[in-house]
């Protein structure tokens, strides 16, 4: 149930970022994805670095690149949540 709620929140964040089209919203969605992945114990190594890079690019006015990187973090967050779900059922089955 908790995982479904996290996935729904993540999907809503991604939709909001895509609709607004702004770097700020995309970075917010990326941070939300990172937080959701961390809550499940599956935050991927470079997510934080990528968010910092997106923030730097946004400050420099390179909005398209910032959004692209932030959206990649959101994708990684979704993949990390899938990984967490699969890990719960992993192991030898006799």
Protein backbone atom coordinates (compact mmCIF):
# COMPACT_ATOMS: atom_id res chain seq x y z
CA UNK A 1 0.00 0.00 0.00
CA UNK A 2 2.79 2.39 0.94
CA UNK A 3 4.59 1.69 -2.33
CA UNK A 4 1.43 2.43 -4.33
CA UNK A 5 1.05 5.75 -2.55
CA UNK A 6 4.67 6.65 -3.28
CA UNK A 7 4.26 5.70 -6.94
CA UNK A 8 1.09 7.78 -7.23
CA UNK A 9 2.85 10.79 -5.68
CA UNK A 10 5.79 10.33 -8.01
CA UNK A 11 3.54 10.13 -11.06
CA UNK A 12 1.72 13.28 -10.00
CA UNK A 13 5.01 15.11 -9.56
CA UNK A 14 6.19 14.06 -13.01
CA UNK A 15 2.91 15.13 -14.58
CA UNK A 16 3.11 18.50 -12.87
CA UNK A 17 6.67 19.03 -14.10
CA UNK A 18 5.78 18.07 -17.64
CA UNK A 19 2.74 20.34 -17.71
CA UNK A 20 4.49 23.37 -16.29
CA UNK A 21 7.58 22.84 -18.38
CA UNK A 22 9.75 24.85 -16.03
CA UNK A 23 13.10 23.80 -14.66
CA UNK A 24 11.98 24.59 -11.12
CA UNK A 25 9.06 22.17 -11.33
CA UNK A 26 11.18 19.50 -12.99
CA UNK A 27 13.78 19.78 -10.21
CA UNK A 28 11.03 19.54 -7.58
CA UNK A 29 9.81 16.34 -9.23
CA UNK A 30 13.38 15.00 -9.27
CA UNK A 31 13.79 15.72 -5.57
CA UNK A 32 10.50 13.99 -4.88
CA UNK A 33 11.65 10.96 -6.86
CA UNK A 34 14.93 10.90 -4.96
CA UNK A 35 13.12 11.09 -1.63
CA UNK A 36 10.72 8.29 -2.60
CA UNK A 37 13.60 6.04 -3.67
CA UNK A 38 15.51 6.79 -0.48
CA UNK A 39 12.43 5.97 1.61
CA UNK A 40 12.42 2.49 0.09
CA UNK A 41 16.19 2.15 0.61
CA UNK A 42 16.97 2.13 -3.11
CA UNK A 43 18.25 5.62 -3.90
CA UNK A 44 20.63 5.36 -6.82
CA UNK A 45 24.15 6.70 -6.40
CA UNK A 46 24.15 9.69 -8.75
CA UNK A 47 20.65 11.04 -8.18
CA UNK A 48 21.85 13.78 -5.82
CA UNK A 49 24.69 14.81 -8.11
CA UNK A 50 22.32 15.02 -11.05
CA UNK A 51 19.90 17.22 -9.13
CA UNK A 52 22.72 19.59 -8.16
CA UNK A 53 23.81 19.76 -11.79
CA UNK A 54 20.24 20.50 -12.90
CA UNK A 55 19.99 23.28 -10.32
CA UNK A 56 23.28 24.77 -11.51
CA UNK A 57 22.17 24.65 -15.15
CA UNK A 58 18.85 26.26 -14.26
CA UNK A 59 20.66 29.13 -12.53
CA UNK A 60 22.81 29.58 -15.64
CA UNK A 61 19.68 29.82 -17.78
CA UNK A 62 20.18 26.47 -19.50
CA UNK A 63 16.60 25.43 -18.89
CA UNK A 64 16.30 22.64 -21.46
CA UNK A 65 19.37 20.82 -20.18
CA UNK A 66 18.24 21.26 -16.57
CA UNK A 67 14.81 19.80 -17.35
CA UNK A 68 16.35 16.90 -19.26
CA UNK A 69 18.60 15.98 -16.33
CA UNK A 70 15.79 16.41 -13.79
CA UNK A 71 13.51 14.18 -15.87
CA UNK A 72 16.26 11.57 -15.99
CA UNK A 73 16.36 11.61 -12.18
CA UNK A 74 12.59 11.08 -12.12
CA UNK A 75 13.02 8.11 -14.48
CA UNK A 76 15.74 6.73 -12.20
CA UNK A 77 13.42 7.18 -9.23
CA UNK A 78 10.71 5.14 -10.92
CA UNK A 79 13.23 2.44 -11.81
CA UNK A 80 14.52 2.40 -8.24
CA UNK A 81 10.98 1.90 -6.92
CA UNK A 82 10.48 -1.00 -9.33
CA UNK A 83 13.78 -2.43 -8.15
CA UNK A 84 12.63 -2.11 -4.53
CA UNK A 85 9.38 -3.92 -5.30
CA UNK A 86 11.22 -6.74 -7.07
CA UNK A 87 13.78 -7.04 -4.27
CA UNK A 88 11.02 -7.83 -1.79
CA UNK A 89 10.23 -11.04 -3.64
CA UNK A 90 13.81 -11.91 -4.56
CA UNK A 91 15.60 -14.91 -3.24
CA UNK A 92 15.66 -18.63 -3.69
CA UNK A 93 12.29 -20.26 -4.02
CA UNK A 94 12.30 -23.92 -3.08
